[in-house]
């Protein structure tokens, strides 16, 4: 799987095809599409209100991890059906007395 975050707070998760299932292509514009089941649509999505997020997966790839510049940590289970992921674990990693230093 591959995950990426947009500037609007949406995390997109794509399933990557195994090498033996990729479609061979000579057109550079289709190189990316040869790696994914459907490049027009993410397998799963997760929405946050934070900006500037970093995303990753747990070691077993069953959960998505999101960390934001605002100091929030999210962990949400990736369901086999995909779609919109819900019911995350959410933690504020910065206490109210602390401030985020912009640098």
Protein backbone atom coordinates (compact mmCIF):
# COMPACT_ATOMS: atom_id res chain seq x y z
CA UNK A 1 0.00 0.00 0.00
CA UNK A 2 0.93 3.60 -0.53
CA UNK A 3 -0.48 6.61 1.35
CA UNK A 4 -0.30 10.32 0.72
CA UNK A 5 -1.90 13.41 2.21
CA UNK A 6 -3.48 16.31 0.37
CA UNK A 7 -3.39 19.98 1.32
CA UNK A 8 -7.09 19.70 2.22
CA UNK A 9 -6.60 17.16 5.03
CA UNK A 10 -7.55 14.04 3.10
CA UNK A 11 -5.29 11.01 3.36
CA UNK A 12 -5.49 8.70 0.32
CA UNK A 13 -4.46 5.03 0.48
CA UNK A 14 -3.76 3.10 -2.70
CA UNK A 15 -3.16 -0.61 -3.19
CA UNK A 16 0.04 -1.29 -5.13
CA UNK A 17 0.00 -4.20 -7.56
CA UNK A 18 2.60 -6.97 -7.21
CA UNK A 19 5.27 -6.91 -9.97
CA UNK A 20 3.75 -9.92 -11.76
CA UNK A 21 0.38 -8.11 -12.11
CA UNK A 22 1.65 -4.79 -13.43
CA UNK A 23 0.77 -3.79 -16.96
CA UNK A 24 3.74 -3.18 -19.23
CA UNK A 25 3.60 0.19 -20.98
CA UNK A 26 5.85 2.26 -23.19
CA UNK A 27 4.14 5.58 -22.45
CA UNK A 28 5.70 7.56 -19.61
CA UNK A 29 2.29 9.03 -18.70
CA UNK A 30 1.02 5.53 -17.85
CA UNK A 31 3.99 4.40 -15.75
CA UNK A 32 2.22 5.28 -12.49
CA UNK A 33 -1.02 3.58 -13.53
CA UNK A 34 0.83 0.31 -14.12
CA UNK A 35 1.53 0.09 -10.36
CA UNK A 36 -2.02 0.62 -9.07
CA UNK A 37 -5.39 -1.14 -9.38
CA UNK A 38 -7.20 2.12 -10.15
CA UNK A 39 -5.28 5.40 -10.09
CA UNK A 40 -8.43 7.51 -10.34
CA UNK A 41 -9.74 6.26 -7.03
CA UNK A 42 -8.08 5.57 -3.70
CA UNK A 43 -8.74 2.24 -1.99
CA UNK A 44 -9.40 4.08 1.27
CA UNK A 45 -9.48 7.65 2.61
CA UNK A 46 -9.22 9.31 5.99
CA UNK A 47 -10.05 12.95 6.72
CA UNK A 48 -8.34 15.20 9.29
CA UNK A 49 -8.78 18.93 9.98
CA UNK A 50 -5.05 19.45 10.50
CA UNK A 51 -2.57 20.84 7.99
CA UNK A 52 0.84 19.59 6.95
CA UNK A 53 0.53 15.92 7.86
CA UNK A 54 2.93 13.01 7.58
CA UNK A 55 1.55 9.51 7.04
CA UNK A 56 2.74 5.95 7.48
CA UNK A 57 1.61 2.46 8.34
CA UNK A 58 2.00 0.25 11.39
CA UNK A 59 4.47 -2.65 11.01
CA UNK A 60 1.65 -5.07 10.13
CA UNK A 61 0.09 -2.58 7.62
CA UNK A 62 -3.30 -2.93 9.31
CA UNK A 63 -3.45 0.66 10.56
CA UNK A 64 -2.67 4.11 9.21
CA UNK A 65 -0.64 6.56 11.32
CA UNK A 66 -0.98 10.32 10.80
CA UNK A 67 1.05 13.01 12.58
CA UNK A 68 0.26 16.68 12.06
CA UNK A 69 2.20 19.90 12.43
CA UNK A 70 -0.42 20.96 14.97
CA UNK A 71 0.79 18.16 17.26
CA UNK A 72 -1.94 15.59 16.75
CA UNK A 73 -1.41 11.85 16.38
CA UNK A 74 -4.02 9.64 14.72
CA UNK A 75 -4.15 5.88 14.32
CA UNK A 76 -7.01 4.32 12.37
CA UNK A 77 -7.62 0.70 11.32
CA UNK A 78 -7.60 -0.03 7.59
CA UNK A 79 -10.65 -2.15 6.83
CA UNK A 80 -10.50 -4.87 4.13
CA UNK A 81 -13.34 -3.13 2.29
CA UNK A 82 -11.53 0.22 2.24
CA UNK A 83 -13.68 3.31 1.80
CA UNK A 84 -13.78 6.09 4.36
CA UNK A 85 -11.88 5.09 7.49
CA UNK A 86 -13.51 6.02 10.80
CA UNK A 87 -13.11 5.80 14.59
CA UNK A 88 -9.45 6.78 14.94
CA UNK A 89 -7.42 6.90 18.10
CA UNK A 90 -6.57 10.59 18.44
CA UNK A 91 -4.03 12.15 20.80
CA UNK A 92 -2.79 15.68 21.22
CA UNK A 93 0.99 15.37 21.54
CA UNK A 94 1.46 18.99 22.64
CA UNK A 95 0.09 20.16 25.97
CA UNK A 96 -2.04 23.35 25.98
CA UNK A 97 0.80 25.28 27.64
CA UNK A 98 3.27 24.40 24.88
CA UNK A 99 3.34 26.17 21.53
CA UNK A 100 4.32 24.86 18.11
CA UNK A 101 7.44 26.67 16.96
CA UNK A 102 7.20 27.68 13.31
CA UNK A 103 10.57 27.40 11.70
